[in-house]
Amino acid sequence: MTLYDFSRLSEQVQYDTVFKKGTFLDIKVEGGSRFLLYALAKFFIEIEYCNNQNKIVAKRTFKEGELLDKYSDFTSL
């Protein structure tokens, strides 16, 4: 499945696909939110879960860049 194929799915099917077929990679906690990183084929999905609202508030897809960089433990020298 490509990122394009994934983006054409309905939102509910996207979530089902991520949770059933995606590989969980990492979690980051910032403020009142948790950010869960999944890999699916050759792209990534970040799910933002708001603790205060007790629900998913955002889903972002990407292949590289800033969103992926925040999960790295490396810092610039």
PDB file of N, CA and C in Angstrom:
ATOM      1  N   MET A   1       0.844  -1.174   0.000  1.00  0.00           N
ATOM      2  CA  MET A   1       0.000   0.000   0.000  1.00  0.00           C
ATOM      3  C   MET A   1       0.893   1.242   0.000  1.00  0.00           C
ATOM      4  N   THR A   2       0.573   2.162  -0.852  1.00  0.00           N
ATOM      5  CA  THR A   2       1.322   3.412  -0.906  1.00  0.00           C
ATOM      6  C   THR A   2       0.635   4.463  -0.031  1.00  0.00           C
ATOM      7  N   LEU A   3       1.332   5.550   0.209  1.00  0.00           N
ATOM      8  CA  LEU A   3       0.749   6.662   0.954  1.00  0.00           C
ATOM      9  C   LEU A   3      -0.475   7.194   0.220  1.00  0.00           C
ATOM     10  N   TYR A   4      -0.403   7.240  -1.098  1.00  0.00           N
ATOM     11  CA  TYR A   4      -1.542   7.697  -1.903  1.00  0.00           C
ATOM     12  C   TYR A   4      -2.748   6.765  -1.719  1.00  0.00           C
ATOM     13  N   ASP A   5      -2.513   5.452  -1.778  1.00  0.00           N
ATOM     14  CA  ASP A   5      -3.595   4.476  -1.573  1.00  0.00           C
ATOM     15  C   ASP A   5      -4.223   4.664  -0.192  1.00  0.00           C
ATOM     16  N   PHE A   6      -3.382   4.831   0.804  1.00  0.00           N
ATOM     17  CA  PHE A   6      -3.854   5.010   2.173  1.00  0.00           C
ATOM     18  C   PHE A   6      -4.713   6.268   2.292  1.00  0.00           C
ATOM     19  N   SER A   7      -4.267   7.343   1.683  1.00  0.00           N
ATOM     20  CA  SER A   7      -5.000   8.614   1.785  1.00  0.00           C
ATOM     21  C   SER A   7      -6.369   8.553   1.108  1.00  0.00           C
ATOM     22  N   ARG A   8      -6.552   7.630   0.183  1.00  0.00           N
ATOM     23  CA  ARG A   8      -7.832   7.488  -0.512  1.00  0.00           C
ATOM     24  C   ARG A   8      -8.856   6.669   0.281  1.00  0.00           C
ATOM     25  N   LEU A   9      -8.407   6.006   1.345  1.00  0.00           N
ATOM     26  CA  LEU A   9      -9.321   5.225   2.184  1.00  0.00           C
ATOM     27  C   LEU A   9     -10.162   6.161   3.049  1.00  0.00           C
ATOM     28  N   SER A  10     -11.320   5.696   3.473  1.00  0.00           N
ATOM     29  CA  SER A  10     -12.115   6.495   4.408  1.00  0.00           C
ATOM     30  C   SER A  10     -11.346   6.613   5.719  1.00  0.00           C
ATOM     31  N   GLU A  11     -11.684   7.596   6.514  1.00  0.00           N
ATOM     32  CA  GLU A  11     -10.964   7.823   7.766  1.00  0.00           C
ATOM     33  C   GLU A  11     -11.042   6.606   8.684  1.00  0.00           C
ATOM     34  N   GLN A  12     -12.213   6.001   8.801  1.00  0.00           N
ATOM     35  CA  GLN A  12     -12.368   4.826   9.670  1.00  0.00           C
ATOM     36  C   GLN A  12     -11.506   3.662   9.178  1.00  0.00           C
ATOM     37  N   VAL A  13     -11.461   3.457   7.870  1.00  0.00           N
ATOM     38  CA  VAL A  13     -10.637   2.368   7.316  1.00  0.00           C
ATOM     39  C   VAL A  13      -9.156   2.689   7.516  1.00  0.00           C
ATOM     40  N   GLN A  14      -8.779   3.957   7.440  1.00  0.00           N
ATOM     41  CA  GLN A  14      -7.392   4.332   7.719  1.00  0.00           C
ATOM     42  C   GLN A  14      -7.011   3.934   9.141  1.00  0.00           C
ATOM     43  N   TYR A  15      -7.854   4.282  10.119  1.00  0.00           N
ATOM     44  CA  TYR A  15      -7.558   3.917  11.506  1.00  0.00           C
ATOM     45  C   TYR A  15      -7.506   2.400  11.678  1.00  0.00           C
ATOM     46  N   ASP A  16      -8.460   1.696  11.101  1.00  0.00           N
ATOM     47  CA  ASP A  16      -8.457   0.230  11.184  1.00  0.00           C
ATOM     48  C   ASP A  16      -7.172  -0.346  10.602  1.00  0.00           C
ATOM     49  N   THR A  17      -6.741   0.191   9.469  1.00  0.00           N
ATOM     50  CA  THR A  17      -5.530  -0.289   8.806  1.00  0.00           C
ATOM     51  C   THR A  17      -4.296  -0.035   9.667  1.00  0.00           C
ATOM     52  N   VAL A  18      -4.204   1.161  10.233  1.00  0.00           N
ATOM     53  CA  VAL A  18      -3.050   1.485  11.081  1.00  0.00           C
ATOM     54  C   VAL A  18      -2.994   0.551  12.278  1.00  0.00           C
ATOM     55  N   PHE A  19      -4.116   0.387  12.974  1.00  0.00           N
ATOM     56  CA  PHE A  19      -4.109  -0.396  14.201  1.00  0.00           C
ATOM     57  C   PHE A  19      -4.002  -1.899  13.958  1.00  0.00           C
ATOM     58  N   LYS A  20      -4.431  -2.386  12.798  1.00  0.00           N
ATOM     59  CA  LYS A  20      -4.364  -3.820  12.511  1.00  0.00           C
ATOM     60  C   LYS A  20      -3.109  -4.220  11.748  1.00  0.00           C
ATOM     61  N   LYS A  21      -2.653  -3.369  10.821  1.00  0.00           N
ATOM     62  CA  LYS A  21      -1.536  -3.738   9.954  1.00  0.00           C
ATOM     63  C   LYS A  21      -0.270  -2.910  10.178  1.00  0.00           C
ATOM     64  N   GLY A  22      -0.409  -1.777  10.850  1.00  0.00           N
ATOM     65  CA  GLY A  22       0.748  -0.921  11.087  1.00  0.00           C
ATOM     66  C   GLY A  22       1.645  -1.502  12.169  1.00  0.00           C
ATOM     67  N   THR A  23       2.894  -1.109  12.123  1.00  0.00           N
ATOM     68  CA  THR A  23       3.867  -1.510  13.138  1.00  0.00           C
ATOM     69  C   THR A  23       4.091  -0.341  14.082  1.00  0.00           C
ATOM     70  N   PHE A  24       3.772  -0.535  15.356  1.00  0.00           N
ATOM     71  CA  PHE A  24       3.990   0.513  16.347  1.00  0.00           C
ATOM     72  C   PHE A  24       5.488   0.703  16.540  1.00  0.00           C
ATOM     73  N   LEU A  25       5.945   1.966  16.474  1.00  0.00           N
ATOM     74  CA  LEU A  25       7.377   2.244  16.591  1.00  0.00           C
ATOM     75  C   LEU A  25       7.751   2.991  17.860  1.00  0.00           C
ATOM     76  N   ASP A  26       6.949   3.993  18.241  1.00  0.00           N
ATOM     77  CA  ASP A  26       7.372   4.847  19.352  1.00  0.00           C
ATOM     78  C   ASP A  26       6.193   5.657  19.872  1.00  0.00           C
ATOM     79  N   ILE A  27       6.385   6.224  21.051  1.00  0.00           N
ATOM     80  CA  ILE A  27       5.402   7.132  21.632  1.00  0.00           C
ATOM     81  C   ILE A  27       6.143   8.304  22.266  1.00  0.00           C
ATOM     82  N   LYS A  28       5.590   9.481  22.121  1.00  0.00           N
ATOM     83  CA  LYS A  28       6.119  10.685  22.757  1.00  0.00           C
ATOM     84  C   LYS A  28       4.976  11.326  23.530  1.00  0.00           C
ATOM     85  N   VAL A  29       5.287  11.842  24.708  1.00  0.00           N
ATOM     86  CA  VAL A  29       4.293  12.532  25.516  1.00  0.00           C
ATOM     87  C   VAL A  29       4.703  13.990  25.604  1.00  0.00           C
ATOM     88  N   GLU A  30       3.790  14.870  25.225  1.00  0.00           N
ATOM     89  CA  GLU A  30       4.038  16.313  25.274  1.00  0.00           C
ATOM     90  C   GLU A  30       2.799  16.981  25.840  1.00  0.00           C
ATOM     91  N   GLY A  31       2.946  17.608  26.991  1.00  0.00           N
ATOM     92  CA  GLY A  31       1.799  18.252  27.605  1.00  0.00           C
ATOM     93  C   GLY A  31       0.714  17.236  27.894  1.00  0.00           C
ATOM     94  N   GLY A  32      -0.503  17.527  27.466  1.00  0.00           N
ATOM     95  CA  GLY A  32      -1.626  16.632  27.687  1.00  0.00           C
ATOM     96  C   GLY A  32      -1.889  15.691  26.532  1.00  0.00           C
ATOM     97  N   SER A  33      -0.923  15.531  25.638  1.00  0.00           N
ATOM     98  CA  SER A  33      -1.122  14.676  24.464  1.00  0.00           C
ATOM     99  C   SER A  33      -0.076  13.576  24.386  1.00  0.00           C
ATOM    100  N   ARG A  34      -0.492  12.482  23.771  1.00  0.00           N
ATOM    101  CA  ARG A  34       0.426  11.395  23.432  1.00  0.00           C
ATOM    102  C   ARG A  34       0.463  11.289  21.916  1.00  0.00           C
ATOM    103  N   PHE A  35       1.656  11.125  21.377  1.00  0.00           N
ATOM    104  CA  PHE A  35       1.857  10.992  19.942  1.00  0.00           C
ATOM    105  C   PHE A  35       2.401   9.590  19.687  1.00  0.00           C
ATOM    106  N   LEU A  36       1.643   8.798  18.927  1.00  0.00           N
ATOM    107  CA  LEU A  36       2.025   7.421  18.640  1.00  0.00           C
ATOM    108  C   LEU A  36       2.471   7.321  17.195  1.00  0.00           C
ATOM    109  N   LEU A  37       3.641   6.743  16.989  1.00  0.00           N
ATOM    110  CA  LEU A  37       4.203   6.618  15.653  1.00  0.00           C
ATOM    111  C   LEU A  37       4.075   5.178  15.162  1.00  0.00           C
ATOM    112  N   TYR A  38       3.495   5.021  13.973  1.00  0.00           N
ATOM    113  CA  TYR A  38       3.335   3.727  13.325  1.00  0.00           C
ATOM    114  C   TYR A  38       3.995   3.764  11.953  1.00  0.00           C
ATOM    115  N   ALA A  39       4.452   2.605  11.495  1.00  0.00           N
ATOM    116  CA  ALA A  39       4.956   2.447  10.135  1.00  0.00           C
ATOM    117  C   ALA A  39       4.013   1.529   9.381  1.00  0.00           C
ATOM    118  N   LEU A  40       3.785   1.875   8.132  1.00  0.00           N
ATOM    119  CA  LEU A  40       2.945   1.048   7.268  1.00  0.00           C
ATOM    120  C   LEU A  40       3.547   1.137   5.877  1.00  0.00           C
ATOM    121  N   ALA A  41       4.006   0.012   5.367  1.00  0.00           N
ATOM    122  CA  ALA A  41       4.686  -0.024   4.063  1.00  0.00           C
ATOM    123  C   ALA A  41       5.889   0.916   4.109  1.00  0.00           C
ATOM    124  N   LYS A  42       5.892   1.950   3.281  1.00  0.00           N
ATOM    125  CA  LYS A  42       7.049   2.850   3.208  1.00  0.00           C
ATOM    126  C   LYS A  42       6.710   4.264   3.653  1.00  0.00           C
ATOM    127  N   PHE A  43       5.796   4.385   4.622  1.00  0.00           N
ATOM    128  CA  PHE A  43       5.459   5.700   5.163  1.00  0.00           C
ATOM    129  C   PHE A  43       5.080   5.556   6.629  1.00  0.00           C
ATOM    130  N   PHE A  44       4.899   6.673   7.291  1.00  0.00           N
ATOM    131  CA  PHE A  44       4.622   6.712   8.719  1.00  0.00           C
ATOM    132  C   PHE A  44       3.289   7.402   8.987  1.00  0.00           C
ATOM    133  N   ILE A  45       2.692   7.040  10.108  1.00  0.00           N
ATOM    134  CA  ILE A  45       1.458   7.664  10.553  1.00  0.00           C
ATOM    135  C   ILE A  45       1.651   8.046  12.009  1.00  0.00           C
ATOM    136  N   GLU A  46       1.340   9.294  12.318  1.00  0.00           N
ATOM    137  CA  GLU A  46       1.381   9.763  13.695  1.00  0.00           C
ATOM    138  C   GLU A  46      -0.061   9.979  14.152  1.00  0.00           C
ATOM    139  N   ILE A  47      -0.421   9.361  15.271  1.00  0.00           N
ATOM    140  CA  ILE A  47      -1.739   9.513  15.862  1.00  0.00           C
ATOM    141  C   ILE A  47      -1.577  10.357  17.121  1.00  0.00           C
ATOM    142  N   GLU A  48      -2.327  11.457  17.200  1.00  0.00           N
ATOM    143  CA  GLU A  48      -2.290  12.301  18.393  1.00  0.00           C
ATOM    144  C   GLU A  48      -3.522  12.007  19.240  1.00  0.00           C
ATOM    145  N   TYR A  49      -3.266  11.631  20.489  1.00  0.00           N
ATOM    146  CA  TYR A  49      -4.333  11.298  21.430  1.00  0.00           C
ATOM    147  C   TYR A  49      -4.296  12.325  22.556  1.00  0.00           C
ATOM    148  N   CYS A  50      -5.415  13.007  22.788  1.00  0.00           N
ATOM    149  CA  CYS A  50      -5.515  14.018  23.841  1.00  0.00           C
ATOM    150  C   CYS A  50      -6.016  13.357  25.119  1.00  0.00           C
ATOM    151  N   ASN A  51      -5.207  13.393  26.155  1.00  0.00           N
ATOM    152  CA  ASN A  51      -5.582  12.785  27.426  1.00  0.00           C
ATOM    153  C   ASN A  51      -6.786  13.485  28.051  1.00  0.00           C
ATOM    154  N   ASN A  52      -6.829  14.806  27.977  1.00  0.00           N
ATOM    155  CA  ASN A  52      -7.920  15.564  28.602  1.00  0.00           C
ATOM    156  C   ASN A  52      -9.265  15.271  27.939  1.00  0.00           C
ATOM    157  N   GLN A  53      -9.273  15.143  26.628  1.00  0.00           N
ATOM    158  CA  GLN A  53     -10.511  14.879  25.898  1.00  0.00           C
ATOM    159  C   GLN A  53     -10.799  13.384  25.768  1.00  0.00           C
ATOM    160  N   ASN A  54      -9.798  12.557  26.096  1.00  0.00           N
ATOM    161  CA  ASN A  54      -9.912  11.103  26.018  1.00  0.00           C
ATOM    162  C   ASN A  54     -10.313  10.643  24.615  1.00  0.00           C
ATOM    163  N   LYS A  55      -9.614  11.227  23.597  1.00  0.00           N
ATOM    164  CA  LYS A  55      -9.910  10.827  22.221  1.00  0.00           C
ATOM    165  C   LYS A  55      -8.751  11.172  21.290  1.00  0.00           C
ATOM    166  N   ILE A  56      -8.792  10.564  20.121  1.00  0.00           N
ATOM    167  CA  ILE A  56      -7.837  10.887  19.064  1.00  0.00           C
ATOM    168  C   ILE A  56      -8.239  12.228  18.476  1.00  0.00           C
ATOM    169  N   VAL A  57      -7.273  13.136  18.367  1.00  0.00           N
ATOM    170  CA  VAL A  57      -7.581  14.471  17.846  1.00  0.00           C
ATOM    171  C   VAL A  57      -6.919  14.754  16.500  1.00  0.00           C
ATOM    172  N   ALA A  58      -5.950  13.923  16.094  1.00  0.00           N
ATOM    173  CA  ALA A  58      -5.291  14.181  14.812  1.00  0.00           C
ATOM    174  C   ALA A  58      -4.592  12.920  14.308  1.00  0.00           C
ATOM    175  N   LYS A  59      -4.453  12.882  12.989  1.00  0.00           N
ATOM    176  CA  LYS A  59      -3.716  11.808  12.319  1.00  0.00           C
ATOM    177  C   LYS A  59      -2.899  12.467  11.218  1.00  0.00           C
ATOM    178  N   ARG A  60      -1.609  12.186  11.185  1.00  0.00           N
ATOM    179  CA  ARG A  60      -0.738  12.783  10.177  1.00  0.00           C
ATOM    180  C   ARG A  60       0.047  11.671   9.477  1.00  0.00           C
ATOM    181  N   THR A  61       0.172  11.790   8.165  1.00  0.00           N
ATOM    182  CA  THR A  61       0.953  10.827   7.398  1.00  0.00           C
ATOM    183  C   THR A  61       2.147  11.545   6.783  1.00  0.00           C
ATOM    184  N   PHE A  62       3.265  10.827   6.666  1.00  0.00           N
ATOM    185  CA  PHE A  62       4.476  11.437   6.118  1.00  0.00           C
ATOM    186  C   PHE A  62       5.489  10.351   5.791  1.00  0.00           C
ATOM    187  N   LYS A  63       6.488  10.726   5.020  1.00  0.00           N
ATOM    188  CA  LYS A  63       7.568   9.802   4.670  1.00  0.00           C
ATOM    189  C   LYS A  63       8.877  10.162   5.356  1.00  0.00           C
ATOM    190  N   GLU A  64       9.064  11.447   5.630  1.00  0.00           N
ATOM    191  CA  GLU A  64      10.301  11.919   6.246  1.00  0.00           C
ATOM    192  C   GLU A  64      10.069  13.329   6.766  1.00  0.00           C
ATOM    193  N   GLY A  65      11.105  13.914   7.356  1.00  0.00           N
ATOM    194  CA  GLY A  65      11.020  15.309   7.739  1.00  0.00           C
ATOM    195  C   GLY A  65      10.854  15.541   9.226  1.00  0.00           C
ATOM    196  N   GLU A  66      10.394  16.741   9.559  1.00  0.00           N
ATOM    197  CA  GLU A  66      10.294  17.189  10.943  1.00  0.00           C
ATOM    198  C   GLU A  66       9.452  16.273  11.820  1.00  0.00           C
ATOM    199  N   LEU A  67       8.337  15.819  11.317  1.00  0.00           N
ATOM    200  CA  LEU A  67       7.486  14.954  12.132  1.00  0.00           C
ATOM    201  C   LEU A  67       8.220  13.677  12.533  1.00  0.00           C
ATOM    202  N   LEU A  68       8.997  13.130  11.639  1.00  0.00           N
ATOM    203  CA  LEU A  68       9.763  11.926  11.949  1.00  0.00           C
ATOM    204  C   LEU A  68      10.957  12.255  12.836  1.00  0.00           C
ATOM    205  N   ASP A  69      11.569  13.400  12.615  1.00  0.00           N
ATOM    206  CA  ASP A  69      12.755  13.793  13.375  1.00  0.00           C
ATOM    207  C   ASP A  69      12.503  13.868  14.873  1.00  0.00           C
ATOM    208  N   LYS A  70      11.287  14.236  15.280  1.00  0.00           N
ATOM    209  CA  LYS A  70      11.035  14.395  16.718  1.00  0.00           C
ATOM    210  C   LYS A  70      11.091  13.063  17.468  1.00  0.00           C
ATOM    211  N   TYR A  71      11.049  11.949  16.757  1.00  0.00           N
ATOM    212  CA  TYR A  71      11.138  10.642  17.401  1.00  0.00           C
ATOM    213  C   TYR A  71      12.582  10.152  17.514  1.00  0.00           C
ATOM    214  N   SER A  72      13.505  10.899  16.967  1.00  0.00           N
ATOM    215  CA  SER A  72      14.918  10.536  17.004  1.00  0.00           C
ATOM    216  C   SER A  72      15.526  11.013  18.326  1.00  0.00           C
ATOM    217  N   ASP A  73      16.382  10.197  18.892  1.00  0.00           N
ATOM    218  CA  ASP A  73      17.088  10.587  20.118  1.00  0.00           C
ATOM    219  C   ASP A  73      18.377  11.337  19.818  1.00  0.00           C
ATOM    220  N   PHE A  74      18.666  11.512  18.544  1.00  0.00           N
ATOM    221  CA  PHE A  74      19.890  12.214  18.161  1.00  0.00           C
ATOM    222  C   PHE A  74      19.657  13.719  18.202  1.00  0.00           C
ATOM    223  N   THR A  75      20.679  14.437  18.571  1.00  0.00           N
ATOM    224  CA  THR A  75      20.608  15.898  18.570  1.00  0.00           C
ATOM    225  C   THR A  75      21.699  16.432  17.676  1.00  0.00           C
ATOM    226  N   SER A  76      21.494  17.608  17.163  1.00  0.00           N
ATOM    227  CA  SER A  76      22.504  18.235  16.308  1.00  0.00           C
ATOM    228  C   SER A  76      23.698  18.631  17.150  1.00  0.00           C
ATOM    229  N   LEU A  77      24.870  18.455  16.570  1.00  0.00           N
ATOM    230  CA  LEU A  77      26.117  18.857  17.258  1.00  0.00           C
ATOM    231  C   LEU A  77      26.531  20.231  16.842  1.00  0.00           C
TER     232      LEU A  77
END
